[in-house]
PDB file of N, CA and C in Angstrom:
ATOM      1  N   MET A   1     114.252  25.217  58.992  1.00  0.00           N
ATOM      2  CA  MET A   1     115.184  24.869  59.824  1.00  0.00           C
ATOM      3  C   MET A   1     115.560  25.298  61.435  1.00  0.00           C
ATOM      4  N   SER A   2     115.378  24.388  62.802  1.00  0.00           N
ATOM      5  CA  SER A   2     114.922  25.028  63.851  1.00  0.00           C
ATOM      6  C   SER A   2     116.146  26.195  63.644  1.00  0.00           C
ATOM      7  N   GLU A   3     115.568  27.274  64.793  1.00  0.00           N
ATOM      8  CA  GLU A   3     116.351  28.259  65.136  1.00  0.00           C
ATOM      9  C   GLU A   3     117.797  28.068  65.372  1.00  0.00           C
ATOM     10  N   ASN A   4     118.215  27.417  66.437  1.00  0.00           N
ATOM     11  CA  ASN A   4     119.284  26.961  66.978  1.00  0.00           C
ATOM     12  C   ASN A   4     120.287  25.807  66.553  1.00  0.00           C
ATOM     13  N   GLU A   5     119.675  25.228  65.073  1.00  0.00           N
ATOM     14  CA  GLU A   5     120.097  23.763  64.369  1.00  0.00           C
ATOM     15  C   GLU A   5     120.774  24.211  63.297  1.00  0.00           C
ATOM     16  N   GLU A   6     122.153  23.589  63.240  1.00  0.00           N
ATOM     17  CA  GLU A   6     122.393  23.662  61.967  1.00  0.00           C
ATOM     18  C   GLU A   6     122.745  22.757  61.253  1.00  0.00           C
ATOM     19  N   LEU A   7     122.417  22.680  59.680  1.00  0.00           N
ATOM     20  CA  LEU A   7     122.087  21.324  58.956  1.00  0.00           C
ATOM     21  C   LEU A   7     123.633  20.817  59.261  1.00  0.00           C
ATOM     22  N   VAL A   8     123.425  19.312  58.999  1.00  0.00           N
ATOM     23  CA  VAL A   8     124.388  18.444  59.427  1.00  0.00           C
ATOM     24  C   VAL A   8     125.025  17.150  58.765  1.00  0.00           C
ATOM     25  N   PRO A   9     125.912  16.630  58.498  1.00  0.00           N
ATOM     26  CA  PRO A   9     126.382  15.424  57.541  1.00  0.00           C
ATOM     27  C   PRO A   9     125.503  13.909  58.306  1.00  0.00           C
ATOM     28  N   THR A  10     125.196  13.061  57.105  1.00  0.00           N
ATOM     29  CA  THR A  10     124.697  12.284  57.564  1.00  0.00           C
ATOM     30  C   THR A  10     124.521  11.067  58.954  1.00  0.00           C
ATOM     31  N   GLY A  11     126.105  11.720  58.861  1.00  0.00           N
ATOM     32  CA  GLY A  11     126.683  10.365  59.917  1.00  0.00           C
ATOM     33  C   GLY A  11     126.365  11.087  61.398  1.00  0.00           C
ATOM     34  N   THR A  12     127.052  12.428  61.157  1.00  0.00           N
ATOM     35  CA  THR A  12     126.223  13.307  62.533  1.00  0.00           C
ATOM     36  C   THR A  12     124.843  13.002  63.095  1.00  0.00           C
ATOM     37  N   ALA A  13     123.619  13.355  62.096  1.00  0.00           N
ATOM     38  CA  ALA A  13     122.495  13.462  62.533  1.00  0.00           C
ATOM     39  C   ALA A  13     122.044  11.867  62.694  1.00  0.00           C
ATOM     40  N   ALA A  14     122.615  10.749  62.153  1.00  0.00           N
ATOM     41  CA  ALA A  14     122.629   9.134  62.415  1.00  0.00           C
ATOM     42  C   ALA A  14     123.157   9.022  64.220  1.00  0.00           C
ATOM     43  N   GLN A  15     124.254   9.601  64.230  1.00  0.00           N
ATOM     44  CA  GLN A  15     124.560   9.739  66.332  1.00  0.00           C
ATOM     45  C   GLN A  15     124.065  10.403  67.004  1.00  0.00           C
ATOM     46  N   ARG A  16     123.271  11.779  66.377  1.00  0.00           N
ATOM     47  CA  ARG A  16     122.411  12.217  67.417  1.00  0.00           C
ATOM     48  C   ARG A  16     120.983  11.842  67.496  1.00  0.00           C
ATOM     49  N   ILE A  17     120.538  11.004  66.571  1.00  0.00           N
ATOM     50  CA  ILE A  17     119.071   9.827  66.901  1.00  0.00           C
ATOM     51  C   ILE A  17     119.389   8.811  67.388  1.00  0.00           C
ATOM     52  N   GLY A  18     120.747   8.204  67.308  1.00  0.00           N
ATOM     53  CA  GLY A  18     121.281   6.849  68.284  1.00  0.00           C
ATOM     54  C   GLY A  18     121.380   5.627  67.018  1.00  0.00           C
ATOM     55  N   VAL A  19     121.188   6.190  65.910  1.00  0.00           N
ATOM     56  CA  VAL A  19     121.519   4.976  65.023  1.00  0.00           C
ATOM     57  C   VAL A  19     122.561   4.984  63.916  1.00  0.00           C
ATOM     58  N   HIS A  20     122.954   4.086  63.419  1.00  0.00           N
ATOM     59  CA  HIS A  20     123.614   3.487  62.691  1.00  0.00           C
ATOM     60  C   HIS A  20     123.554   4.446  61.354  1.00  0.00           C
ATOM     61  N   ARG A  21     124.693   5.391  60.930  1.00  0.00           N
ATOM     62  CA  ARG A  21     124.439   5.947  59.508  1.00  0.00           C
ATOM     63  C   ARG A  21     123.866   5.106  58.961  1.00  0.00           C
ATOM     64  N   GLY A  22     124.232   4.342  58.542  1.00  0.00           N
ATOM     65  CA  GLY A  22     123.544   2.709  57.232  1.00  0.00           C
ATOM     66  C   GLY A  22     122.261   3.216  57.115  1.00  0.00           C
ATOM     67  N   THR A  23     121.750   3.123  58.722  1.00  0.00           N
ATOM     68  CA  THR A  23     120.461   3.132  58.798  1.00  0.00           C
ATOM     69  C   THR A  23     119.682   4.079  58.538  1.00  0.00           C
ATOM     70  N   LEU A  24     120.346   5.155  58.596  1.00  0.00           N
ATOM     71  CA  LEU A  24     119.204   6.531  58.563  1.00  0.00           C
ATOM     72  C   LEU A  24     119.436   7.003  56.842  1.00  0.00           C
ATOM     73  N   VAL A  25     120.371   6.167  56.421  1.00  0.00           N
ATOM     74  CA  VAL A  25     120.598   5.931  54.712  1.00  0.00           C
ATOM     75  C   VAL A  25     119.505   4.992  54.207  1.00  0.00           C
ATOM     76  N   ARG A  26     119.333   3.811  54.825  1.00  0.00           N
ATOM     77  CA  ARG A  26     118.515   3.277  54.163  1.00  0.00           C
ATOM     78  C   ARG A  26     117.280   3.617  54.908  1.00  0.00           C
ATOM     79  N   TRP A  27     116.778   4.296  55.652  1.00  0.00           N
ATOM     80  CA  TRP A  27     115.695   5.035  55.581  1.00  0.00           C
ATOM     81  C   TRP A  27     115.005   6.131  54.436  1.00  0.00           C
ATOM     82  N   TRP A  28     116.362   6.981  54.201  1.00  0.00           N
ATOM     83  CA  TRP A  28     116.072   7.988  53.459  1.00  0.00           C
ATOM     84  C   TRP A  28     115.637   7.657  51.892  1.00  0.00           C
ATOM     85  N   GLN A  29     116.830   5.979  51.527  1.00  0.00           N
ATOM     86  CA  GLN A  29     116.139   5.080  50.367  1.00  0.00           C
ATOM     87  C   GLN A  29     114.807   4.876  50.080  1.00  0.00           C
ATOM     88  N   ARG A  30     114.519   4.683  51.679  1.00  0.00           N
ATOM     89  CA  ARG A  30     112.709   3.919  51.618  1.00  0.00           C
ATOM     90  C   ARG A  30     112.105   5.181  51.218  1.00  0.00           C
ATOM     91  N   GLY A  31     112.776   6.393  51.461  1.00  0.00           N
ATOM     92  CA  GLY A  31     111.093   7.265  51.722  1.00  0.00           C
ATOM     93  C   GLY A  31     110.676   7.945  53.085  1.00  0.00           C
ATOM     94  N   LEU A  32     111.721   6.913  53.927  1.00  0.00           N
ATOM     95  CA  LEU A  32     110.518   7.254  55.092  1.00  0.00           C
ATOM     96  C   LEU A  32     111.313   8.272  55.701  1.00  0.00           C
ATOM     97  N   VAL A  33     111.953   9.147  55.749  1.00  0.00           N
ATOM     98  CA  VAL A  33     112.574  10.667  55.988  1.00  0.00           C
ATOM     99  C   VAL A  33     113.816  11.120  55.032  1.00  0.00           C
ATOM    100  N   ALA A  34     113.086  12.097  54.847  1.00  0.00           N
ATOM    101  CA  ALA A  34     114.370  13.515  53.945  1.00  0.00           C
ATOM    102  C   ALA A  34     114.923  13.959  54.690  1.00  0.00           C
ATOM    103  N   PRO A  35     116.015  14.734  53.991  1.00  0.00           N
ATOM    104  CA  PRO A  35     117.143  15.745  54.207  1.00  0.00           C
ATOM    105  C   PRO A  35     116.717  16.630  53.897  1.00  0.00           C
ATOM    106  N   ALA A  36     116.930  17.676  55.204  1.00  0.00           N
ATOM    107  CA  ALA A  36     116.763  19.406  54.546  1.00  0.00           C
ATOM    108  C   ALA A  36     117.315  20.053  53.493  1.00  0.00           C
ATOM    109  N   LEU A  37     118.347  19.160  52.731  1.00  0.00           N
ATOM    110  CA  LEU A  37     118.985  19.339  51.641  1.00  0.00           C
ATOM    111  C   LEU A  37     119.785  18.409  51.363  1.00  0.00           C
ATOM    112  N   ILE A  38     119.700  18.443  49.818  1.00  0.00           N
ATOM    113  CA  ILE A  38     121.148  17.679  49.359  1.00  0.00           C
ATOM    114  C   ILE A  38     121.916  18.699  48.373  1.00  0.00           C
ATOM    115  N   THR A  39     123.351  18.455  48.687  1.00  0.00           N
ATOM    116  CA  THR A  39     124.230  19.653  48.162  1.00  0.00           C
ATOM    117  C   THR A  39     124.277  19.390  46.691  1.00  0.00           C
ATOM    118  N   PRO A  40     124.703  20.187  45.892  1.00  0.00           N
ATOM    119  CA  PRO A  40     125.161  19.793  44.453  1.00  0.00           C
ATOM    120  C   PRO A  40     125.985  18.367  44.097  1.00  0.00           C
ATOM    121  N   GLY A  41     126.522  18.022  45.024  1.00  0.00           N
ATOM    122  CA  GLY A  41     127.204  16.793  44.949  1.00  0.00           C
ATOM    123  C   GLY A  41     126.276  15.351  45.496  1.00  0.00           C
ATOM    124  N   GLY A  42     124.985  15.472  45.812  1.00  0.00           N
ATOM    125  CA  GLY A  42     124.454  14.385  46.420  1.00  0.00           C
ATOM    126  C   GLY A  42     124.488  14.321  47.867  1.00  0.00           C
ATOM    127  N   GLN A  43     124.971  15.075  48.279  1.00  0.00           N
ATOM    128  CA  GLN A  43     124.732  14.789  50.145  1.00  0.00           C
ATOM    129  C   GLN A  43     123.746  15.164  50.714  1.00  0.00           C
ATOM    130  N   ALA A  44     123.539  14.146  51.719  1.00  0.00           N
ATOM    131  CA  ALA A  44     122.348  14.922  52.290  1.00  0.00           C
ATOM    132  C   ALA A  44     122.855  15.819  52.812  1.00  0.00           C
ATOM    133  N   ARG A  45     122.230  16.838  53.864  1.00  0.00           N
ATOM    134  CA  ARG A  45     122.699  17.195  55.111  1.00  0.00           C
ATOM    135  C   ARG A  45     120.834  17.398  55.985  1.00  0.00           C
ATOM    136  N   TRP A  46     121.004  17.095  57.523  1.00  0.00           N
ATOM    137  CA  TRP A  46     119.701  17.356  58.279  1.00  0.00           C
ATOM    138  C   TRP A  46     119.621  18.486  59.266  1.00  0.00           C
ATOM    139  N   ASP A  47     118.529  18.271  59.507  1.00  0.00           N
ATOM    140  CA  ASP A  47     118.040  19.541  60.541  1.00  0.00           C
ATOM    141  C   ASP A  47     117.602  18.210  61.864  1.00  0.00           C
ATOM    142  N   VAL A  48     118.475  18.424  62.540  1.00  0.00           N
ATOM    143  CA  VAL A  48     118.092  16.952  63.616  1.00  0.00           C
ATOM    144  C   VAL A  48     116.551  16.976  64.391  1.00  0.00           C
ATOM    145  N   ASP A  49     116.094  18.189  64.118  1.00  0.00           N
ATOM    146  CA  ASP A  49     114.869  18.317  65.278  1.00  0.00           C
ATOM    147  C   ASP A  49     113.919  17.935  64.139  1.00  0.00           C
ATOM    148  N   ASN A  50     114.014  18.510  62.717  1.00  0.00           N
ATOM    149  CA  ASN A  50     113.198  18.074  61.871  1.00  0.00           C
ATOM    150  C   ASN A  50     113.351  16.317  62.050  1.00  0.00           C
ATOM    151  N   LEU A  51     114.432  15.436  61.551  1.00  0.00           N
ATOM    152  CA  LEU A  51     114.424  14.488  61.729  1.00  0.00           C
ATOM    153  C   LEU A  51     113.582  13.801  62.547  1.00  0.00           C
ATOM    154  N   LYS A  52     113.853  14.059  63.953  1.00  0.00           N
ATOM    155  CA  LYS A  52     113.214  13.537  64.877  1.00  0.00           C
ATOM    156  C   LYS A  52     111.869  13.451  64.860  1.00  0.00           C
ATOM    157  N   ARG A  53     110.726  14.744  63.901  1.00  0.00           N
ATOM    158  CA  ARG A  53     109.984  15.150  63.956  1.00  0.00           C
ATOM    159  C   ARG A  53     109.280  14.090  62.838  1.00  0.00           C
ATOM    160  N   GLN A  54     110.031  13.683  61.511  1.00  0.00           N
ATOM    161  CA  GLN A  54     110.025  12.553  60.553  1.00  0.00           C
ATOM    162  C   GLN A  54     109.615  11.446  61.162  1.00  0.00           C
ATOM    163  N   LEU A  55     110.208  11.095  62.693  1.00  0.00           N
ATOM    164  CA  LEU A  55     110.192   9.754  62.839  1.00  0.00           C
ATOM    165  C   LEU A  55     109.415   9.477  64.048  1.00  0.00           C
ATOM    166  N   ARG A  56     109.211  11.000  64.723  1.00  0.00           N
ATOM    167  CA  ARG A  56     108.021  10.681  65.479  1.00  0.00           C
ATOM    168  C   ARG A  56     106.517  10.547  64.537  1.00  0.00           C
ATOM    169  N   ASP A  57     106.421  11.566  63.509  1.00  0.00           N
ATOM    170  CA  ASP A  57     105.167  10.994  62.773  1.00  0.00           C
ATOM    171  C   ASP A  57     105.274   9.763  62.164  1.00  0.00           C
ATOM    172  N   LEU A  58     106.341   8.965  62.086  1.00  0.00           N
ATOM    173  CA  LEU A  58     106.221   7.406  60.997  1.00  0.00           C
ATOM    174  C   LEU A  58     105.812   6.775  62.300  1.00  0.00           C
ATOM    175  N   ARG A  59     105.983   6.837  63.551  1.00  0.00           N
ATOM    176  CA  ARG A  59     105.771   5.887  64.982  1.00  0.00           C
ATOM    177  C   ARG A  59     103.986   6.533  64.838  1.00  0.00           C
ATOM    178  N   GLU A  60     103.358   7.233  65.028  1.00  0.00           N
ATOM    179  CA  GLU A  60     102.341   7.710  65.136  1.00  0.00           C
ATOM    180  C   GLU A  60     101.385   6.876  64.117  1.00  0.00           C
ATOM    181  N   GLU A  61     101.774   7.585  63.030  1.00  0.00           N
ATOM    182  CA  GLU A  61     101.208   6.548  61.918  1.00  0.00           C
ATOM    183  C   GLU A  61     101.171   5.012  61.853  1.00  0.00           C
ATOM    184  N   GLY A  62     102.475   4.241  62.402  1.00  0.00           N
ATOM    185  CA  GLY A  62     101.970   3.129  62.303  1.00  0.00           C
ATOM    186  C   GLY A  62     101.378   2.335  63.372  1.00  0.00           C
ATOM    187  N   SER A  63     101.202   3.507  64.883  1.00  0.00           N
ATOM    188  CA  SER A  63     100.562   2.756  65.691  1.00  0.00           C
ATOM    189  C   SER A  63      98.961   3.502  65.539  1.00  0.00           C
ATOM    190  N   GLY A  64      98.476   4.234  64.905  1.00  0.00           N
ATOM    191  CA  GLY A  64      97.217   4.249  64.282  1.00  0.00           C
ATOM    192  C   GLY A  64      96.373   3.522  63.853  1.00  0.00           C
TER     193      GLY A  64
END
């Protein structure tokens, strides 16, 4: 986890990267991105910096 970044719920993570919550959930369900933590209740918690890195890596894979 990033030093200055807390783990945030899915809706907050989606907002911070500029997509709808449902879009982030679909990406997660398809295995394109992974949360930093899944709570015992099944809720995802995201490190936004790590999520941005995952998306950047996906774009690079797709363009190569």
